[in-house]
């Protein structure tokens, strides 16, 4: 996991926390499968934060492309990234 810059590591963690960003997107961008993302999160978060994250993403359909509804067509909420 030392292959990532601090900026990339921060982005991977951010993507893992986002509800609508599937693990497949992280794999496509950074080459990490779900198991590797879990390992990275465990190493870079406090134990309580990691447990909270795992509880949130376990069974979440939006974190896997094959489980998500075809109605979900973007990786972020429409209220996110507002332009002023």
PDB file of N, CA and C in Angstrom:
ATOM      1  N   UNK A   1       0.811  -1.192   0.000  1.00  0.00           N
ATOM      2  CA  UNK A   1       0.000   0.000   0.000  1.00  0.00           C
ATOM      3  C   UNK A   1       0.860   1.263   0.000  1.00  0.00           C
ATOM      4  N   UNK A   2       2.160   1.115   0.072  1.00  0.00           N
ATOM      5  CA  UNK A   2       3.050   2.266   0.072  1.00  0.00           C
ATOM      6  C   UNK A   2       3.206   2.865  -1.316  1.00  0.00           C
ATOM      7  N   UNK A   3       2.593   2.274  -2.310  1.00  0.00           N
ATOM      8  CA  UNK A   3       2.744   2.736  -3.678  1.00  0.00           C
ATOM      9  C   UNK A   3       1.941   3.992  -3.974  1.00  0.00           C
ATOM     10  N   UNK A   4       1.068   4.400  -3.081  1.00  0.00           N
ATOM     11  CA  UNK A   4       0.198   5.542  -3.319  1.00  0.00           C
ATOM     12  C   UNK A   4       0.729   6.797  -2.635  1.00  0.00           C
ATOM     13  N   UNK A   5       0.585   7.919  -3.325  1.00  0.00           N
ATOM     14  CA  UNK A   5       0.949   9.195  -2.724  1.00  0.00           C
ATOM     15  C   UNK A   5      -0.102   9.534  -1.662  1.00  0.00           C
ATOM     16  N   UNK A   6       0.193  10.503  -0.839  1.00  0.00           N
ATOM     17  CA  UNK A   6      -0.759  10.934   0.192  1.00  0.00           C
ATOM     18  C   UNK A   6      -2.053  11.411  -0.453  1.00  0.00           C
ATOM     19  N   UNK A   7      -1.942  12.079  -1.595  1.00  0.00           N
ATOM     20  CA  UNK A   7      -3.121  12.577  -2.302  1.00  0.00           C
ATOM     21  C   UNK A   7      -3.972  11.418  -2.823  1.00  0.00           C
ATOM     22  N   UNK A   8      -3.330  10.407  -3.419  1.00  0.00           N
ATOM     23  CA  UNK A   8      -4.063   9.239  -3.915  1.00  0.00           C
ATOM     24  C   UNK A   8      -4.706   8.467  -2.765  1.00  0.00           C
ATOM     25  N   UNK A   9      -3.985   8.310  -1.690  1.00  0.00           N
ATOM     26  CA  UNK A   9      -4.507   7.602  -0.525  1.00  0.00           C
ATOM     27  C   UNK A   9      -5.748   8.319   0.012  1.00  0.00           C
ATOM     28  N   UNK A  10      -5.676   9.632   0.088  1.00  0.00           N
ATOM     29  CA  UNK A  10      -6.814  10.420   0.544  1.00  0.00           C
ATOM     30  C   UNK A  10      -8.012  10.238  -0.384  1.00  0.00           C
ATOM     31  N   UNK A  11      -7.771  10.210  -1.695  1.00  0.00           N
ATOM     32  CA  UNK A  11      -8.852  10.043  -2.667  1.00  0.00           C
ATOM     33  C   UNK A  11      -9.457   8.648  -2.580  1.00  0.00           C
ATOM     34  N   UNK A  12      -8.650   7.627  -2.387  1.00  0.00           N
ATOM     35  CA  UNK A  12      -9.171   6.268  -2.248  1.00  0.00           C
ATOM     36  C   UNK A  12     -10.086   6.175  -1.032  1.00  0.00           C
ATOM     37  N   UNK A  13      -9.649   6.736   0.083  1.00  0.00           N
ATOM     38  CA  UNK A  13     -10.458   6.714   1.303  1.00  0.00           C
ATOM     39  C   UNK A  13     -11.753   7.487   1.088  1.00  0.00           C
ATOM     40  N   UNK A  14     -11.659   8.627   0.428  1.00  0.00           N
ATOM     41  CA  UNK A  14     -12.855   9.418   0.135  1.00  0.00           C
ATOM     42  C   UNK A  14     -13.834   8.630  -0.728  1.00  0.00           C
ATOM     43  N   UNK A  15     -13.324   7.978  -1.765  1.00  0.00           N
ATOM     44  CA  UNK A  15     -14.185   7.183  -2.645  1.00  0.00           C
ATOM     45  C   UNK A  15     -14.820   6.013  -1.897  1.00  0.00           C
ATOM     46  N   UNK A  16     -14.062   5.396  -1.001  1.00  0.00           N
ATOM     47  CA  UNK A  16     -14.597   4.271  -0.226  1.00  0.00           C
ATOM     48  C   UNK A  16     -15.714   4.737   0.710  1.00  0.00           C
ATOM     49  N   UNK A  17     -15.611   5.952   1.246  1.00  0.00           N
ATOM     50  CA  UNK A  17     -16.638   6.486   2.144  1.00  0.00           C
ATOM     51  C   UNK A  17     -17.893   6.889   1.399  1.00  0.00           C
ATOM     52  N   UNK A  18     -17.763   7.313   0.147  1.00  0.00           N
ATOM     53  CA  UNK A  18     -18.922   7.773  -0.615  1.00  0.00           C
ATOM     54  C   UNK A  18     -19.884   6.618  -0.869  1.00  0.00           C
ATOM     55  N   UNK A  19     -21.161   6.841  -0.599  1.00  0.00           N
ATOM     56  CA  UNK A  19     -22.155   5.789  -0.762  1.00  0.00           C
ATOM     57  C   UNK A  19     -22.340   5.354  -2.208  1.00  0.00           C
ATOM     58  N   UNK A  20     -22.281   6.271  -3.127  1.00  0.00           N
ATOM     59  CA  UNK A  20     -22.585   5.950  -4.515  1.00  0.00           C
ATOM     60  C   UNK A  20     -21.370   5.561  -5.353  1.00  0.00           C
ATOM     61  N   UNK A  21     -20.185   5.574  -4.778  1.00  0.00           N
ATOM     62  CA  UNK A  21     -18.996   5.173  -5.533  1.00  0.00           C
ATOM     63  C   UNK A  21     -18.766   3.679  -5.336  1.00  0.00           C
ATOM     64  N   UNK A  22     -18.949   2.880  -6.391  1.00  0.00           N
ATOM     65  CA  UNK A  22     -18.783   1.427  -6.238  1.00  0.00           C
ATOM     66  C   UNK A  22     -17.306   1.033  -6.133  1.00  0.00           C
ATOM     67  N   UNK A  23     -17.072  -0.112  -5.545  1.00  0.00           N
ATOM     68  CA  UNK A  23     -15.710  -0.634  -5.435  1.00  0.00           C
ATOM     69  C   UNK A  23     -15.084  -0.808  -6.813  1.00  0.00           C
ATOM     70  N   UNK A  24     -15.907  -1.079  -7.814  1.00  0.00           N
ATOM     71  CA  UNK A  24     -15.392  -1.251  -9.171  1.00  0.00           C
ATOM     72  C   UNK A  24     -14.754   0.038  -9.697  1.00  0.00           C
ATOM     73  N   UNK A  25     -15.271   1.193  -9.294  1.00  0.00           N
ATOM     74  CA  UNK A  25     -14.690   2.471  -9.713  1.00  0.00           C
ATOM     75  C   UNK A  25     -13.306   2.660  -9.082  1.00  0.00           C
ATOM     76  N   UNK A  26     -13.160   2.249  -7.836  1.00  0.00           N
ATOM     77  CA  UNK A  26     -11.861   2.325  -7.171  1.00  0.00           C
ATOM     78  C   UNK A  26     -10.882   1.377  -7.857  1.00  0.00           C
ATOM     79  N   UNK A  27     -11.365   0.199  -8.217  1.00  0.00           N
ATOM     80  CA  UNK A  27     -10.518  -0.771  -8.917  1.00  0.00           C
ATOM     81  C   UNK A  27     -10.085  -0.222 -10.271  1.00  0.00           C
ATOM     82  N   UNK A  28     -11.004   0.385 -10.988  1.00  0.00           N
ATOM     83  CA  UNK A  28     -10.689   0.934 -12.304  1.00  0.00           C
ATOM     84  C   UNK A  28      -9.662   2.062 -12.213  1.00  0.00           C
ATOM     85  N   UNK A  29      -9.812   2.931 -11.230  1.00  0.00           N
ATOM     86  CA  UNK A  29      -8.931   4.093 -11.114  1.00  0.00           C
ATOM     87  C   UNK A  29      -7.591   3.787 -10.446  1.00  0.00           C
ATOM     88  N   UNK A  30      -7.611   2.901  -9.421  1.00  0.00           N
ATOM     89  CA  UNK A  30      -6.396   2.667  -8.634  1.00  0.00           C
ATOM     90  C   UNK A  30      -5.900   1.225  -8.644  1.00  0.00           C
ATOM     91  N   UNK A  31      -6.670   0.302  -9.233  1.00  0.00           N
ATOM     92  CA  UNK A  31      -6.236  -1.085  -9.312  1.00  0.00           C
ATOM     93  C   UNK A  31      -6.416  -1.873  -8.024  1.00  0.00           C
ATOM     94  N   UNK A  32      -7.259  -1.391  -7.122  1.00  0.00           N
ATOM     95  CA  UNK A  32      -7.496  -2.077  -5.847  1.00  0.00           C
ATOM     96  C   UNK A  32      -8.861  -2.754  -5.873  1.00  0.00           C
ATOM     97  N   UNK A  33      -8.893  -4.055  -5.591  1.00  0.00           N
ATOM     98  CA  UNK A  33     -10.182  -4.725  -5.489  1.00  0.00           C
ATOM     99  C   UNK A  33     -10.786  -4.452  -4.108  1.00  0.00           C
ATOM    100  N   UNK A  34     -11.968  -4.963  -3.866  1.00  0.00           N
ATOM    101  CA  UNK A  34     -12.668  -4.688  -2.609  1.00  0.00           C
ATOM    102  C   UNK A  34     -11.847  -5.125  -1.400  1.00  0.00           C
ATOM    103  N   UNK A  35     -11.242  -6.295  -1.473  1.00  0.00           N
ATOM    104  CA  UNK A  35     -10.425  -6.796  -0.358  1.00  0.00           C
ATOM    105  C   UNK A  35      -9.257  -5.868  -0.072  1.00  0.00           C
ATOM    106  N   UNK A  36      -8.603  -5.373  -1.111  1.00  0.00           N
ATOM    107  CA  UNK A  36      -7.475  -4.456  -0.933  1.00  0.00           C
ATOM    108  C   UNK A  36      -7.928  -3.123  -0.350  1.00  0.00           C
ATOM    109  N   UNK A  37      -9.116  -2.655  -0.759  1.00  0.00           N
ATOM    110  CA  UNK A  37      -9.655  -1.405  -0.205  1.00  0.00           C
ATOM    111  C   UNK A  37      -9.936  -1.581   1.288  1.00  0.00           C
ATOM    112  N   UNK A  38     -10.517  -2.711   1.656  1.00  0.00           N
ATOM    113  CA  UNK A  38     -10.803  -2.984   3.067  1.00  0.00           C
ATOM    114  C   UNK A  38      -9.496  -2.998   3.858  1.00  0.00           C
ATOM    115  N   UNK A  39      -8.481  -3.643   3.325  1.00  0.00           N
ATOM    116  CA  UNK A  39      -7.175  -3.707   3.987  1.00  0.00           C
ATOM    117  C   UNK A  39      -6.580  -2.298   4.131  1.00  0.00           C
ATOM    118  N   UNK A  40      -6.654  -1.508   3.072  1.00  0.00           N
ATOM    119  CA  UNK A  40      -6.142  -0.135   3.102  1.00  0.00           C
ATOM    120  C   UNK A  40      -6.884   0.699   4.146  1.00  0.00           C
ATOM    121  N   UNK A  41      -8.192   0.560   4.189  1.00  0.00           N
ATOM    122  CA  UNK A  41      -8.994   1.322   5.151  1.00  0.00           C
ATOM    123  C   UNK A  41      -8.632   0.908   6.581  1.00  0.00           C
ATOM    124  N   UNK A  42      -8.449  -0.382   6.809  1.00  0.00           N
ATOM    125  CA  UNK A  42      -8.100  -0.870   8.144  1.00  0.00           C
ATOM    126  C   UNK A  42      -6.764  -0.287   8.600  1.00  0.00           C
ATOM    127  N   UNK A  43      -5.800  -0.201   7.667  1.00  0.00           N
ATOM    128  CA  UNK A  43      -4.469   0.305   8.014  1.00  0.00           C
ATOM    129  C   UNK A  43      -4.425   1.822   8.223  1.00  0.00           C
ATOM    130  N   UNK A  44      -5.358   2.546   7.616  1.00  0.00           N
ATOM    131  CA  UNK A  44      -5.269   4.001   7.616  1.00  0.00           C
ATOM    132  C   UNK A  44      -6.351   4.710   8.415  1.00  0.00           C
ATOM    133  N   UNK A  45      -7.143   3.959   9.151  1.00  0.00           N
ATOM    134  CA  UNK A  45      -8.205   4.560   9.957  1.00  0.00           C
ATOM    135  C   UNK A  45      -8.083   4.091  11.397  1.00  0.00           C
ATOM    136  N   UNK A  46      -8.663   4.886  12.286  1.00  0.00           N
ATOM    137  CA  UNK A  46      -8.765   4.447  13.674  1.00  0.00           C
ATOM    138  C   UNK A  46      -9.692   3.227  13.707  1.00  0.00           C
ATOM    139  N   UNK A  47      -9.467   2.313  14.638  1.00  0.00           N
ATOM    140  CA  UNK A  47     -10.319   1.114  14.692  1.00  0.00           C
ATOM    141  C   UNK A  47     -11.816   1.426  14.761  1.00  0.00           C
ATOM    142  N   UNK A  48     -12.194   2.434  15.523  1.00  0.00           N
ATOM    143  CA  UNK A  48     -13.619   2.764  15.638  1.00  0.00           C
ATOM    144  C   UNK A  48     -14.170   3.302  14.315  1.00  0.00           C
ATOM    145  N   UNK A  49     -13.378   4.084  13.593  1.00  0.00           N
ATOM    146  CA  UNK A  49     -13.811   4.611  12.300  1.00  0.00           C
ATOM    147  C   UNK A  49     -13.920   3.489  11.277  1.00  0.00           C
ATOM    148  N   UNK A  50     -12.972   2.567  11.314  1.00  0.00           N
ATOM    149  CA  UNK A  50     -13.017   1.434  10.391  1.00  0.00           C
ATOM    150  C   UNK A  50     -14.260   0.597  10.638  1.00  0.00           C
ATOM    151  N   UNK A  51     -14.570   0.307  11.903  1.00  0.00           N
ATOM    152  CA  UNK A  51     -15.758  -0.487  12.228  1.00  0.00           C
ATOM    153  C   UNK A  51     -17.020   0.212  11.762  1.00  0.00           C
ATOM    154  N   UNK A  52     -17.094   1.526  11.932  1.00  0.00           N
ATOM    155  CA  UNK A  52     -18.260   2.297  11.496  1.00  0.00           C
ATOM    156  C   UNK A  52     -18.385   2.228   9.966  1.00  0.00           C
ATOM    157  N   UNK A  53     -17.263   2.367   9.261  1.00  0.00           N
ATOM    158  CA  UNK A  53     -17.280   2.299   7.801  1.00  0.00           C
ATOM    159  C   UNK A  53     -17.725   0.921   7.325  1.00  0.00           C
ATOM    160  N   UNK A  54     -17.166  -0.132   7.917  1.00  0.00           N
ATOM    161  CA  UNK A  54     -17.529  -1.495   7.510  1.00  0.00           C
ATOM    162  C   UNK A  54     -19.018  -1.751   7.733  1.00  0.00           C
ATOM    163  N   UNK A  55     -19.539  -1.249   8.837  1.00  0.00           N
ATOM    164  CA  UNK A  55     -20.963  -1.422   9.114  1.00  0.00           C
ATOM    165  C   UNK A  55     -21.802  -0.716   8.046  1.00  0.00           C
ATOM    166  N   UNK A  56     -21.347   0.459   7.613  1.00  0.00           N
ATOM    167  CA  UNK A  56     -22.078   1.221   6.596  1.00  0.00           C
ATOM    168  C   UNK A  56     -22.060   0.539   5.238  1.00  0.00           C
ATOM    169  N   UNK A  57     -20.912   0.025   4.810  1.00  0.00           N
ATOM    170  CA  UNK A  57     -20.809  -0.488   3.442  1.00  0.00           C
ATOM    171  C   UNK A  57     -21.212  -1.945   3.304  1.00  0.00           C
ATOM    172  N   UNK A  58     -21.249  -2.688   4.381  1.00  0.00           N
ATOM    173  CA  UNK A  58     -21.620  -4.102   4.303  1.00  0.00           C
ATOM    174  C   UNK A  58     -23.075  -4.218   3.845  1.00  0.00           C
ATOM    175  N   UNK A  59     -23.263  -4.877   2.724  1.00  0.00           N
ATOM    176  CA  UNK A  59     -24.601  -5.089   2.188  1.00  0.00           C
ATOM    177  C   UNK A  59     -25.180  -3.898   1.448  1.00  0.00           C
ATOM    178  N   UNK A  60     -24.427  -2.813   1.303  1.00  0.00           N
ATOM    179  CA  UNK A  60     -24.921  -1.630   0.603  1.00  0.00           C
ATOM    180  C   UNK A  60     -24.890  -1.895  -0.902  1.00  0.00           C
ATOM    181  N   UNK A  61     -26.042  -1.853  -1.522  1.00  0.00           N
ATOM    182  CA  UNK A  61     -26.144  -2.199  -2.941  1.00  0.00           C
ATOM    183  C   UNK A  61     -25.425  -1.208  -3.843  1.00  0.00           C
ATOM    184  N   UNK A  62     -25.315   0.038  -3.428  1.00  0.00           N
ATOM    185  CA  UNK A  62     -24.683   1.032  -4.294  1.00  0.00           C
ATOM    186  C   UNK A  62     -23.170   0.890  -4.351  1.00  0.00           C
ATOM    187  N   UNK A  63     -22.574   0.067  -3.475  1.00  0.00           N
ATOM    188  CA  UNK A  63     -21.128  -0.116  -3.492  1.00  0.00           C
ATOM    189  C   UNK A  63     -20.687  -1.196  -4.482  1.00  0.00           C
ATOM    190  N   UNK A  64     -21.637  -1.855  -5.142  1.00  0.00           N
ATOM    191  CA  UNK A  64     -21.323  -2.900  -6.128  1.00  0.00           C
ATOM    192  C   UNK A  64     -22.163  -2.653  -7.372  1.00  0.00           C
ATOM    193  N   UNK A  65     -21.521  -2.530  -8.508  1.00  0.00           N
ATOM    194  CA  UNK A  65     -22.246  -2.233  -9.752  1.00  0.00           C
ATOM    195  C   UNK A  65     -23.315  -3.262 -10.074  1.00  0.00           C
ATOM    196  N   UNK A  66     -23.033  -4.541  -9.852  1.00  0.00           N
ATOM    197  CA  UNK A  66     -23.998  -5.574 -10.214  1.00  0.00           C
ATOM    198  C   UNK A  66     -25.213  -5.602  -9.288  1.00  0.00           C
ATOM    199  N   UNK A  67     -25.096  -5.031  -8.101  1.00  0.00           N
ATOM    200  CA  UNK A  67     -26.217  -5.034  -7.158  1.00  0.00           C
ATOM    201  C   UNK A  67     -27.043  -3.753  -7.226  1.00  0.00           C
ATOM    202  N   UNK A  68     -26.469  -2.692  -7.775  1.00  0.00           N
ATOM    203  CA  UNK A  68     -27.170  -1.412  -7.746  1.00  0.00           C
ATOM    204  C   UNK A  68     -28.265  -1.351  -8.791  1.00  0.00           C
ATOM    205  N   UNK A  69     -29.229  -0.525  -8.519  1.00  0.00           N
ATOM    206  CA  UNK A  69     -30.356  -0.333  -9.410  1.00  0.00           C
ATOM    207  C   UNK A  69     -29.892   0.332 -10.699  1.00  0.00           C
ATOM    208  N   UNK A  70     -30.468  -0.048 -11.821  1.00  0.00           N
ATOM    209  CA  UNK A  70     -30.102   0.619 -13.080  1.00  0.00           C
ATOM    210  C   UNK A  70     -30.510   2.091 -13.099  1.00  0.00           C
ATOM    211  N   UNK A  71     -31.348   2.501 -12.149  1.00  0.00           N
ATOM    212  CA  UNK A  71     -31.762   3.900 -12.055  1.00  0.00           C
ATOM    213  C   UNK A  71     -30.632   4.805 -11.572  1.00  0.00           C
ATOM    214  N   UNK A  72     -29.625   4.224 -10.915  1.00  0.00           N
ATOM    215  CA  UNK A  72     -28.491   4.999 -10.426  1.00  0.00           C
ATOM    216  C   UNK A  72     -27.524   5.155 -11.588  1.00  0.00           C
ATOM    217  N   UNK A  73     -27.440   6.386 -12.112  1.00  0.00           N
ATOM    218  CA  UNK A  73     -26.628   6.590 -13.310  1.00  0.00           C
ATOM    219  C   UNK A  73     -25.398   7.453 -13.062  1.00  0.00           C
ATOM    220  N   UNK A  74     -25.210   7.916 -11.830  1.00  0.00           N
ATOM    221  CA  UNK A  74     -24.012   8.700 -11.538  1.00  0.00           C
ATOM    222  C   UNK A  74     -23.445   8.271 -10.203  1.00  0.00           C
ATOM    223  N   UNK A  75     -22.193   8.627  -9.980  1.00  0.00           N
ATOM    224  CA  UNK A  75     -21.487   8.169  -8.789  1.00  0.00           C
ATOM    225  C   UNK A  75     -21.571   9.154  -7.635  1.00  0.00           C
ATOM    226  N   UNK A  76     -22.358  10.206  -7.786  1.00  0.00           N
ATOM    227  CA  UNK A  76     -22.473  11.173  -6.704  1.00  0.00           C
ATOM    228  C   UNK A  76     -23.887  11.725  -6.670  1.00  0.00           C
ATOM    229  N   UNK A  77     -24.235  12.279  -5.569  1.00  0.00           N
ATOM    230  CA  UNK A  77     -25.560  12.854  -5.360  1.00  0.00           C
ATOM    231  C   UNK A  77     -25.692  14.132  -6.175  1.00  0.00           C
ATOM    232  N   UNK A  78     -26.882  14.421  -6.676  1.00  0.00           N
ATOM    233  CA  UNK A  78     -27.103  15.620  -7.476  1.00  0.00           C
ATOM    234  C   UNK A  78     -26.861  16.903  -6.676  1.00  0.00           C
ATOM    235  N   UNK A  79     -26.932  16.824  -5.349  1.00  0.00           N
ATOM    236  CA  UNK A  79     -26.699  18.000  -4.505  1.00  0.00           C
ATOM    237  C   UNK A  79     -25.219  18.178  -4.152  1.00  0.00           C
ATOM    238  N   UNK A  80     -24.401  17.206  -4.544  1.00  0.00           N
ATOM    239  CA  UNK A  80     -22.971  17.273  -4.287  1.00  0.00           C
ATOM    240  C   UNK A  80     -22.309  18.030  -5.438  1.00  0.00           C
ATOM    241  N   UNK A  81     -21.217  18.696  -5.171  1.00  0.00           N
ATOM    242  CA  UNK A  81     -20.466  19.437  -6.181  1.00  0.00           C
ATOM    243  C   UNK A  81     -21.284  20.538  -6.837  1.00  0.00           C
ATOM    244  N   UNK A  82     -22.027  21.293  -6.021  1.00  0.00           N
ATOM    245  CA  UNK A  82     -22.810  22.405  -6.556  1.00  0.00           C
ATOM    246  C   UNK A  82     -21.883  23.466  -7.130  1.00  0.00           C
ATOM    247  N   UNK A  83     -22.293  24.025  -8.209  1.00  0.00           N
ATOM    248  CA  UNK A  83     -21.526  25.112  -8.833  1.00  0.00           C
ATOM    249  C   UNK A  83     -22.198  26.420  -8.493  1.00  0.00           C
ATOM    250  N   UNK A  84     -21.392  27.388  -8.130  1.00  0.00           N
ATOM    251  CA  UNK A  84     -21.941  28.686  -7.726  1.00  0.00           C
ATOM    252  C   UNK A  84     -21.825  29.686  -8.834  1.00  0.00           C
TER     253      UNK A  84
END
